[in-house]
PDB file of all heavy atoms in Angstrom:
ATOM      1  N   PHE A   1    -108.851-106.751 -34.742  1.00  0.00           N
ATOM      2  CA  PHE A   1    -109.351-105.439 -35.331  1.00  0.00           C
ATOM      3  C   PHE A   1    -108.341-104.403 -35.213  1.00  0.00           C
ATOM      4  O   PHE A   1    -108.178-103.628 -36.199  1.00  0.00           O
ATOM      5  CB  PHE A   1    -110.640-105.048 -34.461  1.00  0.00           C
ATOM      6  CG  PHE A   1    -111.135-103.694 -34.872  1.00  0.00           C
ATOM      7  CD1 PHE A   1    -111.884-103.453 -35.955  1.00  0.00           C
ATOM      8  CD2 PHE A   1    -110.800-102.554 -34.104  1.00  0.00           C
ATOM      9  CE1 PHE A   1    -112.352-102.205 -36.328  1.00  0.00           C
ATOM     10  CE2 PHE A   1    -111.212-101.282 -34.434  1.00  0.00           C
ATOM     11  CZ  PHE A   1    -112.062-101.083 -35.533  1.00  0.00           C
ATOM     12  N   SER A   2    -107.587-104.261 -34.119  1.00  0.00           N
ATOM     13  CA  SER A   2    -106.531-103.228 -34.017  1.00  0.00           C
ATOM     14  C   SER A   2    -105.489-103.445 -35.041  1.00  0.00           C
ATOM     15  O   SER A   2    -105.048-102.476 -35.728  1.00  0.00           O
ATOM     16  CB  SER A   2    -105.987-103.299 -32.580  1.00  0.00           C
ATOM     17  OG  SER A   2    -106.935-102.976 -31.590  1.00  0.00           O
ATOM     18  N   ILE A   3    -105.019-104.656 -35.156  1.00  0.00           N
ATOM     19  CA  ILE A   3    -104.008-104.933 -36.153  1.00  0.00           C
ATOM     20  C   ILE A   3    -104.410-104.607 -37.608  1.00  0.00           C
ATOM     21  O   ILE A   3    -103.696-103.977 -38.342  1.00  0.00           O
ATOM     22  CB  ILE A   3    -103.530-106.378 -36.053  1.00  0.00           C
ATOM     23  CG1 ILE A   3    -102.860-106.620 -34.734  1.00  0.00           C
ATOM     24  CG2 ILE A   3    -102.579-106.753 -37.248  1.00  0.00           C
ATOM     25  CD1 ILE A   3    -102.657-108.146 -34.418  1.00  0.00           C
ATOM     26  N   ILE A   4    -105.588-105.085 -37.973  1.00  0.00           N
ATOM     27  CA  ILE A   4    -106.072-104.845 -39.311  1.00  0.00           C
ATOM     28  C   ILE A   4    -106.308-103.368 -39.590  1.00  0.00           C
ATOM     29  O   ILE A   4    -106.003-102.824 -40.683  1.00  0.00           O
ATOM     30  CB  ILE A   4    -107.441-105.653 -39.495  1.00  0.00           C
ATOM     31  CG1 ILE A   4    -107.135-107.129 -39.537  1.00  0.00           C
ATOM     32  CG2 ILE A   4    -108.084-105.225 -40.872  1.00  0.00           C
ATOM     33  CD1 ILE A   4    -108.358-108.001 -39.575  1.00  0.00           C
ATOM     34  N   THR A   5    -106.786-102.650 -38.639  1.00  0.00           N
ATOM     35  CA  THR A   5    -107.020-101.204 -38.798  1.00  0.00           C
ATOM     36  C   THR A   5    -105.714-100.409 -38.964  1.00  0.00           C
ATOM     37  O   THR A   5    -105.568 -99.598 -39.785  1.00  0.00           O
ATOM     38  CB  THR A   5    -107.820-100.611 -37.612  1.00  0.00           C
ATOM     39  OG1 THR A   5    -109.053-101.384 -37.450  1.00  0.00           O
ATOM     40  CG2 THR A   5    -108.111 -99.191 -37.844  1.00  0.00           C
ATOM     41  N   ALA A   6    -104.736-100.736 -38.077  1.00  0.00           N
ATOM     42  CA  ALA A   6    -103.429-100.079 -38.110  1.00  0.00           C
ATOM     43  C   ALA A   6    -102.712-100.336 -39.477  1.00  0.00           C
ATOM     44  O   ALA A   6    -102.176 -99.478 -40.065  1.00  0.00           O
ATOM     45  CB  ALA A   6    -102.576-100.446 -36.930  1.00  0.00           C
ATOM     46  N   VAL A   7    -102.687-101.676 -39.853  1.00  0.00           N
ATOM     47  CA  VAL A   7    -101.998-102.014 -41.086  1.00  0.00           C
ATOM     48  C   VAL A   7    -102.724-101.377 -42.288  1.00  0.00           C
ATOM     49  O   VAL A   7    -102.116-100.963 -43.295  1.00  0.00           O
ATOM     50  CB  VAL A   7    -101.951-103.546 -41.200  1.00  0.00           C
ATOM     51  CG1 VAL A   7    -101.377-103.862 -42.588  1.00  0.00           C
ATOM     52  CG2 VAL A   7    -101.082-104.120 -40.133  1.00  0.00           C
ATOM     53  N   GLY A   8    -104.046-101.308 -42.181  1.00  0.00           N
ATOM     54  CA  GLY A   8    -104.874-100.658 -43.242  1.00  0.00           C
ATOM     55  C   GLY A   8    -104.442 -99.277 -43.529  1.00  0.00           C
ATOM     56  O   GLY A   8    -104.433 -98.812 -44.649  1.00  0.00           O
ATOM     57  N   GLU A   9    -104.065 -98.517 -42.388  1.00  0.00           N
ATOM     58  CA  GLU A   9    -103.638 -97.111 -42.646  1.00  0.00           C
ATOM     59  C   GLU A   9    -102.260 -97.111 -43.344  1.00  0.00           C
ATOM     60  O   GLU A   9    -102.068 -96.304 -44.207  1.00  0.00           O
ATOM     61  CB  GLU A   9    -103.524 -96.487 -41.318  1.00  0.00           C
ATOM     62  CG  GLU A   9    -104.706 -96.154 -40.568  1.00  0.00           C
ATOM     63  CD  GLU A   9    -105.617 -95.142 -41.285  1.00  0.00           C
ATOM     64  OE1 GLU A   9    -105.045 -94.267 -41.956  1.00  0.00           O
ATOM     65  OE2 GLU A   9    -106.882 -95.205 -41.260  1.00  0.00           O
ATOM     66  N   ALA A  10    -101.395 -98.025 -42.952  1.00  0.00           N
ATOM     67  CA  ALA A  10    -100.151 -98.089 -43.671  1.00  0.00           C
ATOM     68  C   ALA A  10    -100.294 -98.451 -45.085  1.00  0.00           C
ATOM     69  O   ALA A  10     -99.590 -97.916 -46.044  1.00  0.00           O
ATOM     70  CB  ALA A  10     -99.137 -99.038 -42.943  1.00  0.00           C
ATOM     71  N   VAL A  11    -101.056 -99.422 -45.437  1.00  0.00           N
ATOM     72  CA  VAL A  11    -101.412 -99.818 -46.812  1.00  0.00           C
ATOM     73  C   VAL A  11    -101.997 -98.682 -47.548  1.00  0.00           C
ATOM     74  O   VAL A  11    -101.618 -98.394 -48.717  1.00  0.00           O
ATOM     75  CB  VAL A  11    -102.281-101.075 -46.789  1.00  0.00           C
ATOM     76  CG1 VAL A  11    -102.773-101.340 -48.199  1.00  0.00           C
ATOM     77  CG2 VAL A  11    -101.594-102.315 -46.246  1.00  0.00           C
ATOM     78  N   ALA A  12    -102.939 -98.014 -47.022  1.00  0.00           N
ATOM     79  CA  ALA A  12    -103.636 -96.881 -47.709  1.00  0.00           C
ATOM     80  C   ALA A  12    -102.577 -95.843 -48.061  1.00  0.00           C
ATOM     81  O   ALA A  12    -102.647 -95.213 -49.212  1.00  0.00           O
ATOM     82  CB  ALA A  12    -104.734 -96.265 -46.853  1.00  0.00           C
ATOM     83  N   ASN A  13    -101.615 -95.543 -47.174  1.00  0.00           N
ATOM     84  CA  ASN A  13    -100.589 -94.508 -47.476  1.00  0.00           C
ATOM     85  C   ASN A  13     -99.725 -95.020 -48.679  1.00  0.00           C
ATOM     86  O   ASN A  13     -99.365 -94.250 -49.498  1.00  0.00           O
ATOM     87  CB  ASN A  13     -99.782 -94.334 -46.252  1.00  0.00           C
ATOM     88  CG  ASN A  13    -100.505 -93.415 -45.266  1.00  0.00           C
ATOM     89  OD1 ASN A  13    -101.310 -92.597 -45.623  1.00  0.00           O
ATOM     90  ND2 ASN A  13    -100.144 -93.592 -43.958  1.00  0.00           N
ATOM     91  N   ALA A  14     -99.348 -96.318 -48.660  1.00  0.00           N
ATOM     92  CA  ALA A  14     -98.495 -96.822 -49.725  1.00  0.00           C
ATOM     93  C   ALA A  14     -99.225 -96.738 -51.054  1.00  0.00           C
ATOM     94  O   ALA A  14     -98.616 -96.411 -52.085  1.00  0.00           O
ATOM     95  CB  ALA A  14     -98.076 -98.220 -49.392  1.00  0.00           C
ATOM     96  N   VAL A  15    -100.498 -97.109 -51.102  1.00  0.00           N
ATOM     97  CA  VAL A  15    -101.261 -97.036 -52.349  1.00  0.00           C
ATOM     98  C   VAL A  15    -101.434 -95.588 -52.787  1.00  0.00           C
ATOM     99  O   VAL A  15    -101.264 -95.362 -54.041  1.00  0.00           O
ATOM    100  CB  VAL A  15    -102.617 -97.725 -52.100  1.00  0.00           C
ATOM    101  CG1 VAL A  15    -103.551 -97.450 -53.279  1.00  0.00           C
ATOM    102  CG2 VAL A  15    -102.487 -99.189 -51.930  1.00  0.00           C
ATOM    103  N   GLU A  16    -101.689 -94.700 -51.941  1.00  0.00           N
ATOM    104  CA  GLU A  16    -102.010 -93.297 -52.376  1.00  0.00           C
ATOM    105  C   GLU A  16    -100.727 -92.463 -52.639  1.00  0.00           C
ATOM    106  O   GLU A  16    -100.758 -91.606 -53.604  1.00  0.00           O
ATOM    107  CB  GLU A  16    -102.769 -92.579 -51.209  1.00  0.00           C
ATOM    108  CG  GLU A  16    -103.289 -91.235 -51.601  1.00  0.00           C
ATOM    109  CD  GLU A  16    -104.064 -90.625 -50.548  1.00  0.00           C
ATOM    110  OE1 GLU A  16    -104.340 -91.271 -49.544  1.00  0.00           O
ATOM    111  OE2 GLU A  16    -104.488 -89.419 -50.689  1.00  0.00           O
ATOM    112  N   HIS A  17     -99.621 -92.708 -51.914  1.00  0.00           N
ATOM    113  CA  HIS A  17     -98.572 -91.737 -51.999  1.00  0.00           C
ATOM    114  C   HIS A  17     -97.278 -92.262 -52.638  1.00  0.00           C
ATOM    115  O   HIS A  17     -96.487 -91.478 -53.125  1.00  0.00           O
ATOM    116  CB  HIS A  17     -98.175 -91.151 -50.555  1.00  0.00           C
ATOM    117  CG  HIS A  17     -99.328 -90.566 -49.902  1.00  0.00           C
ATOM    118  ND1 HIS A  17     -99.946 -89.450 -50.406  1.00  0.00           N
ATOM    119  CD2 HIS A  17     -99.956 -90.884 -48.747  1.00  0.00           C
ATOM    120  CE1 HIS A  17    -100.915 -89.090 -49.566  1.00  0.00           C
ATOM    121  NE2 HIS A  17    -100.911 -89.927 -48.597  1.00  0.00           N
ATOM    122  N   ALA A  18     -97.140 -93.618 -52.652  1.00  0.00           N
ATOM    123  CA  ALA A  18     -95.759 -94.166 -52.985  1.00  0.00           C
ATOM    124  C   ALA A  18     -95.349 -93.941 -54.477  1.00  0.00           C
ATOM    125  O   ALA A  18     -94.223 -93.636 -54.723  1.00  0.00           O
ATOM    126  CB  ALA A  18     -95.625 -95.593 -52.576  1.00  0.00           C
ATOM    127  N   TYR A  19     -96.273 -94.051 -55.409  1.00  0.00           N
ATOM    128  CA  TYR A  19     -95.823 -94.246 -56.808  1.00  0.00           C
ATOM    129  C   TYR A  19     -96.388 -93.177 -57.679  1.00  0.00           C
ATOM    130  O   TYR A  19     -96.160 -93.197 -58.830  1.00  0.00           O
ATOM    131  CB  TYR A  19     -96.226 -95.600 -57.254  1.00  0.00           C
ATOM    132  CG  TYR A  19     -95.551 -96.729 -56.608  1.00  0.00           C
ATOM    133  CD1 TYR A  19     -96.161 -97.432 -55.558  1.00  0.00           C
ATOM    134  CD2 TYR A  19     -94.221 -97.057 -56.920  1.00  0.00           C
ATOM    135  CE1 TYR A  19     -95.452 -98.452 -54.861  1.00  0.00           C
ATOM    136  CE2 TYR A  19     -93.571 -98.027 -56.225  1.00  0.00           C
ATOM    137  CZ  TYR A  19     -94.133 -98.709 -55.233  1.00  0.00           C
ATOM    138  OH  TYR A  19     -93.441 -99.708 -54.575  1.00  0.00           O
ATOM    139  N   ARG A  20     -97.070 -92.165 -57.144  1.00  0.00           N
ATOM    140  CA  ARG A  20     -97.516 -91.061 -57.953  1.00  0.00           C
ATOM    141  C   ARG A  20     -98.227 -91.401 -59.241  1.00  0.00           C
ATOM    142  O   ARG A  20     -98.025 -90.906 -60.327  1.00  0.00           O
ATOM    143  CB  ARG A  20     -96.300 -90.149 -58.331  1.00  0.00           C
ATOM    144  CG  ARG A  20     -95.422 -89.810 -57.087  1.00  0.00           C
ATOM    145  CD  ARG A  20     -94.337 -88.823 -57.499  1.00  0.00           C
ATOM    146  NE  ARG A  20     -93.401 -88.622 -56.371  1.00  0.00           N
ATOM    147  CZ  ARG A  20     -92.437 -87.689 -56.380  1.00  0.00           C
ATOM    148  NH1 ARG A  20     -92.248 -86.987 -57.497  1.00  0.00           N
ATOM    149  NH2 ARG A  20     -91.634 -87.626 -55.310  1.00  0.00           N
ATOM    150  N   GLY A  21     -99.134 -92.410 -59.156  1.00  0.00           N
ATOM    151  CA  GLY A  21     -99.950 -92.838 -60.276  1.00  0.00           C
ATOM    152  C   GLY A  21     -99.185 -93.869 -61.135  1.00  0.00           C
ATOM    153  O   GLY A  21     -99.835 -94.330 -62.095  1.00  0.00           O
ATOM    154  N   GLU A  22     -97.916 -94.150 -60.920  1.00  0.00           N
ATOM    155  CA  GLU A  22     -97.267 -95.136 -61.714  1.00  0.00           C
ATOM    156  C   GLU A  22     -97.398 -96.526 -61.170  1.00  0.00           C
ATOM    157  O   GLU A  22     -97.893 -96.701 -59.998  1.00  0.00           O
ATOM    158  CB  GLU A  22     -95.695 -94.777 -61.760  1.00  0.00           C
ATOM    159  CG  GLU A  22     -95.482 -93.343 -62.428  1.00  0.00           C
ATOM    160  CD  GLU A  22     -94.011 -93.012 -62.374  1.00  0.00           C
ATOM    161  OE1 GLU A  22     -93.242 -93.828 -61.748  1.00  0.00           O
ATOM    162  OE2 GLU A  22     -93.604 -92.045 -62.996  1.00  0.00           O
ATOM    163  N   GLU A  23     -96.993 -97.537 -61.981  1.00  0.00           N
ATOM    164  CA  GLU A  23     -97.139 -98.841 -61.471  1.00  0.00           C
ATOM    165  C   GLU A  23     -96.078 -99.174 -60.335  1.00  0.00           C
ATOM    166  O   GLU A  23     -94.980 -98.621 -60.410  1.00  0.00           O
ATOM    167  CB  GLU A  23     -96.818 -99.849 -62.686  1.00  0.00           C
ATOM    168  CG  GLU A  23     -97.818 -99.897 -63.695  1.00  0.00           C
ATOM    169  CD  GLU A  23     -97.586-100.935 -64.712  1.00  0.00           C
ATOM    170  OE1 GLU A  23     -97.021-101.980 -64.458  1.00  0.00           O
ATOM    171  OE2 GLU A  23     -97.791-100.611 -65.914  1.00  0.00           O
ATOM    172  N   GLY A  24     -96.453 -99.838 -59.294  1.00  0.00           N
ATOM    173  CA  GLY A  24     -95.599-100.219 -58.271  1.00  0.00           C
ATOM    174  C   GLY A  24     -96.172-101.278 -57.321  1.00  0.00           C
ATOM    175  O   GLY A  24     -97.333-101.634 -57.525  1.00  0.00           O
ATOM    176  N   TYR A  25     -95.359-101.700 -56.432  1.00  0.00           N
ATOM    177  CA  TYR A  25     -95.794-102.776 -55.558  1.00  0.00           C
ATOM    178  C   TYR A  25     -95.458-102.429 -54.042  1.00  0.00           C
ATOM    179  O   TYR A  25     -94.638-101.582 -53.756  1.00  0.00           O
ATOM    180  CB  TYR A  25     -95.018-104.098 -55.880  1.00  0.00           C
ATOM    181  CG  TYR A  25     -95.264-104.536 -57.312  1.00  0.00           C
ATOM    182  CD1 TYR A  25     -94.325-104.160 -58.255  1.00  0.00           C
ATOM    183  CD2 TYR A  25     -96.307-105.344 -57.647  1.00  0.00           C
ATOM    184  CE1 TYR A  25     -94.552-104.608 -59.594  1.00  0.00           C
ATOM    185  CE2 TYR A  25     -96.507-105.756 -58.911  1.00  0.00           C
ATOM    186  CZ  TYR A  25     -95.608-105.413 -59.876  1.00  0.00           C
ATOM    187  OH  TYR A  25     -95.844-105.786 -61.262  1.00  0.00           O
ATOM    188  N   PHE A  26     -96.142-103.058 -53.167  1.00  0.00           N
ATOM    189  CA  PHE A  26     -95.806-103.016 -51.790  1.00  0.00           C
ATOM    190  C   PHE A  26     -95.855-104.413 -51.170  1.00  0.00           C
ATOM    191  O   PHE A  26     -96.579-105.359 -51.774  1.00  0.00           O
ATOM    192  CB  PHE A  26     -96.670-102.036 -51.003  1.00  0.00           C
ATOM    193  CG  PHE A  26     -98.098-102.445 -50.909  1.00  0.00           C
ATOM    194  CD1 PHE A  26     -98.551-103.253 -49.766  1.00  0.00           C
ATOM    195  CD2 PHE A  26     -99.082-102.091 -51.864  1.00  0.00           C
ATOM    196  CE1 PHE A  26     -99.914-103.630 -49.628  1.00  0.00           C
ATOM    197  CE2 PHE A  26    -100.436-102.524 -51.728  1.00  0.00           C
ATOM    198  CZ  PHE A  26    -100.830-103.224 -50.621  1.00  0.00           C
ATOM    199  N   TYR A  27     -95.191-104.641 -50.039  1.00  0.00           N
ATOM    200  CA  TYR A  27     -95.172-105.894 -49.458  1.00  0.00           C
ATOM    201  C   TYR A  27     -95.750-105.852 -48.050  1.00  0.00           C
ATOM    202  O   TYR A  27     -95.561-104.821 -47.385  1.00  0.00           O
ATOM    203  CB  TYR A  27     -93.740-106.436 -49.320  1.00  0.00           C
ATOM    204  CG  TYR A  27     -93.027-106.738 -50.675  1.00  0.00           C
ATOM    205  CD1 TYR A  27     -92.451-105.631 -51.494  1.00  0.00           C
ATOM    206  CD2 TYR A  27     -93.026-108.055 -51.137  1.00  0.00           C
ATOM    207  CE1 TYR A  27     -91.899-105.938 -52.698  1.00  0.00           C
ATOM    208  CE2 TYR A  27     -92.413-108.280 -52.474  1.00  0.00           C
ATOM    209  CZ  TYR A  27     -91.898-107.241 -53.152  1.00  0.00           C
ATOM    210  OH  TYR A  27     -91.296-107.509 -54.388  1.00  0.00           O
ATOM    211  N   VAL A  28     -96.322-106.890 -47.627  1.00  0.00           N
ATOM    212  CA  VAL A  28     -96.825-107.026 -46.228  1.00  0.00           C
ATOM    213  C   VAL A  28     -96.230-108.314 -45.671  1.00  0.00           C
ATOM    214  O   VAL A  28     -96.403-109.351 -46.265  1.00  0.00           O
ATOM    215  CB  VAL A  28     -98.384-107.067 -46.166  1.00  0.00           C
ATOM    216  CG1 VAL A  28     -98.835-107.220 -44.716  1.00  0.00           C
ATOM    217  CG2 VAL A  28     -98.994-105.845 -46.783  1.00  0.00           C
ATOM    218  N   ARG A  29     -95.570-108.187 -44.516  1.00  0.00           N
ATOM    219  CA  ARG A  29     -94.935-109.361 -43.896  1.00  0.00           C
ATOM    220  C   ARG A  29     -95.459-109.481 -42.441  1.00  0.00           C
ATOM    221  O   ARG A  29     -94.883-108.825 -41.604  1.00  0.00           O
ATOM    222  CB  ARG A  29     -93.440-109.176 -43.947  1.00  0.00           C
ATOM    223  CG  ARG A  29     -92.865-109.086 -45.362  1.00  0.00           C
ATOM    224  CD  ARG A  29     -91.344-109.005 -45.348  1.00  0.00           C
ATOM    225  NE  ARG A  29     -90.755-108.819 -46.675  1.00  0.00           N
ATOM    226  CZ  ARG A  29     -90.517-107.625 -47.224  1.00  0.00           C
ATOM    227  NH1 ARG A  29     -90.856-106.488 -46.539  1.00  0.00           N
ATOM    228  NH2 ARG A  29     -90.085-107.558 -48.457  1.00  0.00           N
ATOM    229  N   PRO A  30     -96.372-110.353 -42.249  1.00  0.00           N
ATOM    230  CA  PRO A  30     -96.794-110.557 -40.767  1.00  0.00           C
ATOM    231  C   PRO A  30     -96.056-111.704 -40.181  1.00  0.00           C
ATOM    232  O   PRO A  30     -95.838-112.722 -40.759  1.00  0.00           O
ATOM    233  CB  PRO A  30     -98.315-110.965 -40.948  1.00  0.00           C
ATOM    234  CG  PRO A  30     -98.360-111.606 -42.291  1.00  0.00           C
ATOM    235  CD  PRO A  30     -97.235-110.990 -43.088  1.00  0.00           C
ATOM    236  N   THR A  31     -95.649-111.556 -38.951  1.00  0.00           N
ATOM    237  CA  THR A  31     -94.846-112.603 -38.188  1.00  0.00           C
ATOM    238  C   THR A  31     -95.314-112.522 -36.737  1.00  0.00           C
ATOM    239  O   THR A  31     -95.889-111.513 -36.258  1.00  0.00           O
ATOM    240  CB  THR A  31     -93.369-112.363 -38.248  1.00  0.00           C
ATOM    241  OG1 THR A  31     -93.063-111.071 -37.688  1.00  0.00           O
ATOM    242  CG2 THR A  31     -92.854-112.461 -39.692  1.00  0.00           C
ATOM    243  N   ILE A  32     -95.149-113.590 -36.016  1.00  0.00           N
ATOM    244  CA  ILE A  32     -95.429-113.685 -34.633  1.00  0.00           C
ATOM    245  C   ILE A  32     -94.308-114.529 -33.957  1.00  0.00           C
ATOM    246  O   ILE A  32     -93.990-115.633 -34.391  1.00  0.00           O
ATOM    247  CB  ILE A  32     -96.793-114.240 -34.306  1.00  0.00           C
ATOM    248  CG1 ILE A  32     -97.148-114.168 -32.808  1.00  0.00           C
ATOM    249  CG2 ILE A  32     -97.029-115.575 -34.848  1.00  0.00           C
ATOM    250  CD1 ILE A  32     -98.535-114.340 -32.516  1.00  0.00           C
TER     251      ILE A  32
END
């Protein structure tokens, strides 16, 4: 739950702020 919640905040920021309404991508890389 902690991991999903924390990563969700980072993803939400990338979606909302990174591309200013233009097309773009983000990557998620989980490792252990």
